[in-house]
N, C-alpha and C. Protein backbone atom coordinates (compact mmCIF):
# COMPACT_ATOMS: atom_id res chain seq x y z
N PHE A 1 -71.32 -128.19 -45.69
CA PHE A 1 -72.01 -127.93 -46.93
C PHE A 1 -72.92 -129.09 -47.31
N PHE A 2 -72.43 -130.31 -47.10
CA PHE A 2 -73.23 -131.49 -47.43
C PHE A 2 -74.52 -131.53 -46.63
N TYR A 3 -74.42 -131.30 -45.33
CA TYR A 3 -75.62 -131.36 -44.49
C TYR A 3 -76.60 -130.22 -44.80
N ALA A 4 -76.07 -129.04 -45.09
CA ALA A 4 -76.94 -127.92 -45.45
C ALA A 4 -77.66 -128.19 -46.77
N SER A 5 -76.94 -128.76 -47.73
CA SER A 5 -77.56 -129.10 -49.02
C SER A 5 -78.60 -130.19 -48.85
N LEU A 6 -78.30 -131.18 -48.03
CA LEU A 6 -79.24 -132.26 -47.77
C LEU A 6 -80.49 -131.73 -47.06
N ALA A 7 -80.32 -130.84 -46.12
CA ALA A 7 -81.46 -130.25 -45.41
C ALA A 7 -82.33 -129.43 -46.36
N THR A 8 -81.71 -128.71 -47.27
CA THR A 8 -82.47 -127.94 -48.26
C THR A 8 -83.27 -128.87 -49.15
N LEU A 9 -82.66 -129.93 -49.61
CA LEU A 9 -83.35 -130.90 -50.46
C LEU A 9 -84.51 -131.56 -49.72
N LEU A 10 -84.27 -131.97 -48.49
CA LEU A 10 -85.33 -132.62 -47.71
C LEU A 10 -86.48 -131.67 -47.43
N ALA A 11 -86.17 -130.42 -47.12
CA ALA A 11 -87.23 -129.44 -46.86
C ALA A 11 -88.09 -129.21 -48.10
N CYS A 12 -87.46 -129.18 -49.25
CA CYS A 12 -88.24 -129.00 -50.50
C CYS A 12 -89.11 -130.22 -50.79
N VAL A 13 -88.57 -131.40 -50.56
CA VAL A 13 -89.35 -132.62 -50.80
C VAL A 13 -90.52 -132.70 -49.83
N VAL A 14 -90.29 -132.39 -48.57
CA VAL A 14 -91.36 -132.43 -47.57
C VAL A 14 -92.44 -131.39 -47.90
N ALA A 15 -92.02 -130.19 -48.27
CA ALA A 15 -92.99 -129.15 -48.62
C ALA A 15 -93.81 -129.55 -49.84
N LEU A 16 -93.17 -130.19 -50.80
CA LEU A 16 -93.86 -130.59 -52.02
C LEU A 16 -94.85 -131.71 -51.76
N THR A 17 -94.55 -132.60 -50.82
CA THR A 17 -95.44 -133.73 -50.55
C THR A 17 -96.54 -133.39 -49.55
N LEU A 18 -96.24 -132.56 -48.56
CA LEU A 18 -97.22 -132.29 -47.51
C LEU A 18 -98.15 -131.12 -47.82
N LEU A 19 -97.66 -130.15 -48.54
CA LEU A 19 -98.46 -128.97 -48.85
C LEU A 19 -99.03 -129.10 -50.26
N PRO A 20 -100.06 -128.32 -50.57
CA PRO A 20 -100.63 -128.40 -51.92
C PRO A 20 -99.79 -127.64 -52.95
N CYS A 21 -98.47 -127.66 -52.77
CA CYS A 21 -97.59 -126.89 -53.65
C CYS A 21 -97.59 -127.41 -55.07
N LYS A 22 -97.65 -128.72 -55.24
CA LYS A 22 -97.55 -129.27 -56.59
C LYS A 22 -98.70 -128.78 -57.47
N THR A 23 -99.89 -128.73 -56.93
CA THR A 23 -101.04 -128.25 -57.70
C THR A 23 -100.90 -126.77 -57.99
N LEU A 24 -100.49 -126.01 -56.99
CA LEU A 24 -100.35 -124.56 -57.18
C LEU A 24 -99.23 -124.24 -58.16
N LEU A 25 -98.10 -124.94 -58.05
CA LEU A 25 -96.98 -124.66 -58.94
C LEU A 25 -97.27 -125.10 -60.37
N SER A 26 -98.02 -126.18 -60.52
CA SER A 26 -98.36 -126.64 -61.87
C SER A 26 -99.31 -125.67 -62.55
N ALA A 27 -100.20 -125.07 -61.78
CA ALA A 27 -101.19 -124.15 -62.36
C ALA A 27 -100.63 -122.74 -62.51
N SER A 28 -99.57 -122.42 -61.81
CA SER A 28 -99.04 -121.06 -61.88
C SER A 28 -98.28 -120.83 -63.17
N MET A 29 -98.10 -119.59 -63.49
CA MET A 29 -97.32 -119.17 -64.65
C MET A 29 -97.84 -119.76 -65.95
N GLY A 30 -99.14 -119.75 -66.13
CA GLY A 30 -99.72 -120.16 -67.38
C GLY A 30 -99.98 -121.64 -67.53
N GLY A 31 -99.69 -122.42 -66.51
CA GLY A 31 -99.98 -123.84 -66.56
C GLY A 31 -99.03 -124.65 -67.41
N GLY A 32 -97.94 -124.07 -67.87
CA GLY A 32 -97.01 -124.80 -68.72
C GLY A 32 -95.94 -125.55 -67.96
N GLY A 33 -96.07 -125.65 -66.66
CA GLY A 33 -95.06 -126.35 -65.87
C GLY A 33 -93.90 -125.47 -65.45
N ASP A 34 -93.96 -124.17 -65.78
CA ASP A 34 -92.86 -123.29 -65.40
C ASP A 34 -92.76 -123.10 -63.90
N GLY A 35 -93.88 -123.23 -63.20
CA GLY A 35 -93.84 -123.10 -61.74
C GLY A 35 -92.94 -124.14 -61.09
N MET A 36 -93.06 -125.38 -61.55
CA MET A 36 -92.20 -126.45 -61.01
C MET A 36 -90.74 -126.24 -61.41
N LYS A 37 -90.52 -125.74 -62.61
CA LYS A 37 -89.15 -125.48 -63.07
C LYS A 37 -88.49 -124.40 -62.22
N ILE A 38 -89.25 -123.34 -61.92
CA ILE A 38 -88.70 -122.25 -61.12
C ILE A 38 -88.50 -122.70 -59.67
N ALA A 39 -89.40 -123.53 -59.16
CA ALA A 39 -89.21 -124.06 -57.80
C ALA A 39 -87.92 -124.88 -57.72
N ALA A 40 -87.67 -125.70 -58.72
CA ALA A 40 -86.43 -126.49 -58.75
C ALA A 40 -85.21 -125.58 -58.86
N ALA A 41 -85.33 -124.54 -59.67
CA ALA A 41 -84.21 -123.61 -59.84
C ALA A 41 -83.93 -122.83 -58.56
N LEU A 42 -85.00 -122.45 -57.84
CA LEU A 42 -84.80 -121.73 -56.58
C LEU A 42 -84.17 -122.63 -55.52
N MET A 43 -84.52 -123.91 -55.53
CA MET A 43 -83.87 -124.84 -54.61
C MET A 43 -82.38 -124.93 -54.94
N ALA A 44 -82.06 -125.01 -56.24
CA ALA A 44 -80.66 -125.06 -56.65
C ALA A 44 -79.92 -123.77 -56.28
N LYS A 45 -80.63 -122.64 -56.35
CA LYS A 45 -80.03 -121.36 -55.97
C LYS A 45 -79.70 -121.33 -54.48
N ASN A 46 -80.55 -121.93 -53.66
CA ASN A 46 -80.28 -121.97 -52.23
C ASN A 46 -79.06 -122.81 -51.91
N VAL A 47 -78.75 -123.77 -52.75
CA VAL A 47 -77.58 -124.62 -52.53
C VAL A 47 -76.33 -123.99 -53.11
N GLY A 48 -76.41 -123.46 -54.34
CA GLY A 48 -75.19 -123.04 -55.02
C GLY A 48 -75.15 -121.63 -55.56
N GLY A 49 -76.17 -120.83 -55.31
CA GLY A 49 -76.13 -119.44 -55.72
C GLY A 49 -76.81 -119.17 -57.05
N GLY A 50 -76.66 -117.95 -57.49
CA GLY A 50 -77.34 -117.47 -58.69
C GLY A 50 -76.95 -118.18 -59.97
N VAL A 51 -75.70 -118.63 -60.05
CA VAL A 51 -75.26 -119.35 -61.25
C VAL A 51 -76.04 -120.66 -61.38
N ASN A 52 -76.27 -121.33 -60.26
CA ASN A 52 -77.08 -122.55 -60.30
C ASN A 52 -78.50 -122.26 -60.75
N TYR A 53 -79.06 -121.14 -60.31
CA TYR A 53 -80.42 -120.77 -60.70
C TYR A 53 -80.52 -120.66 -62.22
N ILE A 54 -79.61 -119.91 -62.81
CA ILE A 54 -79.63 -119.71 -64.26
C ILE A 54 -79.36 -121.02 -64.99
N ALA A 55 -78.44 -121.81 -64.49
CA ALA A 55 -78.12 -123.09 -65.14
C ALA A 55 -79.32 -124.04 -65.13
N VAL A 56 -80.02 -124.12 -64.01
CA VAL A 56 -81.19 -125.00 -63.93
C VAL A 56 -82.31 -124.46 -64.81
N CYS A 57 -82.52 -123.16 -64.81
CA CYS A 57 -83.55 -122.57 -65.68
C CYS A 57 -83.25 -122.87 -67.15
N ASN A 58 -81.98 -122.75 -67.54
CA ASN A 58 -81.61 -123.04 -68.93
C ASN A 58 -81.78 -124.51 -69.25
N SER A 59 -81.37 -125.38 -68.35
CA SER A 59 -81.45 -126.81 -68.64
C SER A 59 -82.90 -127.31 -68.67
N LEU A 60 -83.78 -126.69 -67.87
CA LEU A 60 -85.19 -127.08 -67.87
C LEU A 60 -86.01 -126.29 -68.88
N GLN A 61 -85.37 -125.36 -69.57
CA GLN A 61 -86.00 -124.53 -70.60
C GLN A 61 -87.22 -123.76 -70.07
N ALA A 62 -87.01 -123.11 -68.93
CA ALA A 62 -88.06 -122.25 -68.38
C ALA A 62 -88.18 -121.00 -69.25
N SER A 63 -89.38 -120.47 -69.35
CA SER A 63 -89.59 -119.29 -70.18
C SER A 63 -88.90 -118.08 -69.54
N PRO A 64 -88.48 -117.12 -70.36
CA PRO A 64 -87.81 -115.93 -69.80
C PRO A 64 -88.67 -115.16 -68.81
N ASN A 65 -89.98 -115.11 -69.04
CA ASN A 65 -90.86 -114.43 -68.08
C ASN A 65 -90.88 -115.13 -66.74
N ALA A 66 -90.87 -116.46 -66.75
CA ALA A 66 -90.86 -117.23 -65.50
C ALA A 66 -89.54 -117.06 -64.77
N VAL A 67 -88.43 -117.02 -65.51
CA VAL A 67 -87.11 -116.81 -64.89
C VAL A 67 -87.07 -115.46 -64.20
N ALA A 68 -87.56 -114.43 -64.88
CA ALA A 68 -87.58 -113.08 -64.30
C ALA A 68 -88.49 -113.02 -63.08
N ALA A 69 -89.66 -113.67 -63.17
CA ALA A 69 -90.59 -113.67 -62.04
C ALA A 69 -89.97 -114.39 -60.84
N GLY A 70 -89.27 -115.49 -61.09
CA GLY A 70 -88.62 -116.22 -60.00
C GLY A 70 -87.57 -115.38 -59.31
N LEU A 71 -86.77 -114.67 -60.08
CA LEU A 71 -85.75 -113.80 -59.49
C LEU A 71 -86.39 -112.67 -58.70
N CYS A 72 -87.47 -112.12 -59.21
CA CYS A 72 -88.17 -111.03 -58.53
C CYS A 72 -88.72 -111.50 -57.18
N VAL A 73 -89.38 -112.64 -57.19
CA VAL A 73 -89.95 -113.18 -55.95
C VAL A 73 -88.84 -113.50 -54.95
N ASP A 74 -87.74 -114.08 -55.44
CA ASP A 74 -86.63 -114.41 -54.56
C ASP A 74 -86.05 -113.15 -53.91
N ASN A 75 -85.90 -112.10 -54.69
CA ASN A 75 -85.36 -110.85 -54.15
C ASN A 75 -86.31 -110.21 -53.14
N ILE A 76 -87.60 -110.26 -53.41
CA ILE A 76 -88.57 -109.69 -52.47
C ILE A 76 -88.54 -110.43 -51.13
N PHE A 77 -88.51 -111.78 -51.19
CA PHE A 77 -88.47 -112.53 -49.94
C PHE A 77 -87.14 -112.35 -49.22
N ALA A 78 -86.06 -112.17 -49.96
CA ALA A 78 -84.77 -111.90 -49.31
C ALA A 78 -84.80 -110.56 -48.60
N LEU A 79 -85.44 -109.56 -49.21
CA LEU A 79 -85.54 -108.25 -48.56
C LEU A 79 -86.39 -108.30 -47.30
N ILE A 80 -87.36 -109.20 -47.27
CA ILE A 80 -88.18 -109.36 -46.08
C ILE A 80 -87.45 -110.16 -45.02
N TYR A 81 -86.75 -111.23 -45.44
CA TYR A 81 -86.14 -112.17 -44.50
C TYR A 81 -84.88 -111.62 -43.84
N PHE A 82 -83.96 -111.06 -44.62
CA PHE A 82 -82.65 -110.71 -44.07
C PHE A 82 -82.65 -109.61 -43.03
N PRO A 83 -83.51 -108.60 -43.10
CA PRO A 83 -83.50 -107.63 -42.00
C PRO A 83 -83.94 -108.21 -40.66
N ILE A 84 -84.67 -109.33 -40.70
CA ILE A 84 -85.13 -109.94 -39.44
C ILE A 84 -83.95 -110.55 -38.79
């Protein structure tokens, strides 16, 4: 569990530094910073499940629309990924 969590964290940090994600996430969802909040919550969800997602969203005070959009996107990508 420790190594899987560490790999998830490192992958998110690498993606955030190497790709133009920070600019895209900051500008997404109305520019209020909800994109970065949802990205952090999705990383937490990958480590600890849906309860972590909701807990991080609540602690970062993400807007309800952003929380719903994050769950929707996560479910769509799961439907694409898992059948493969």
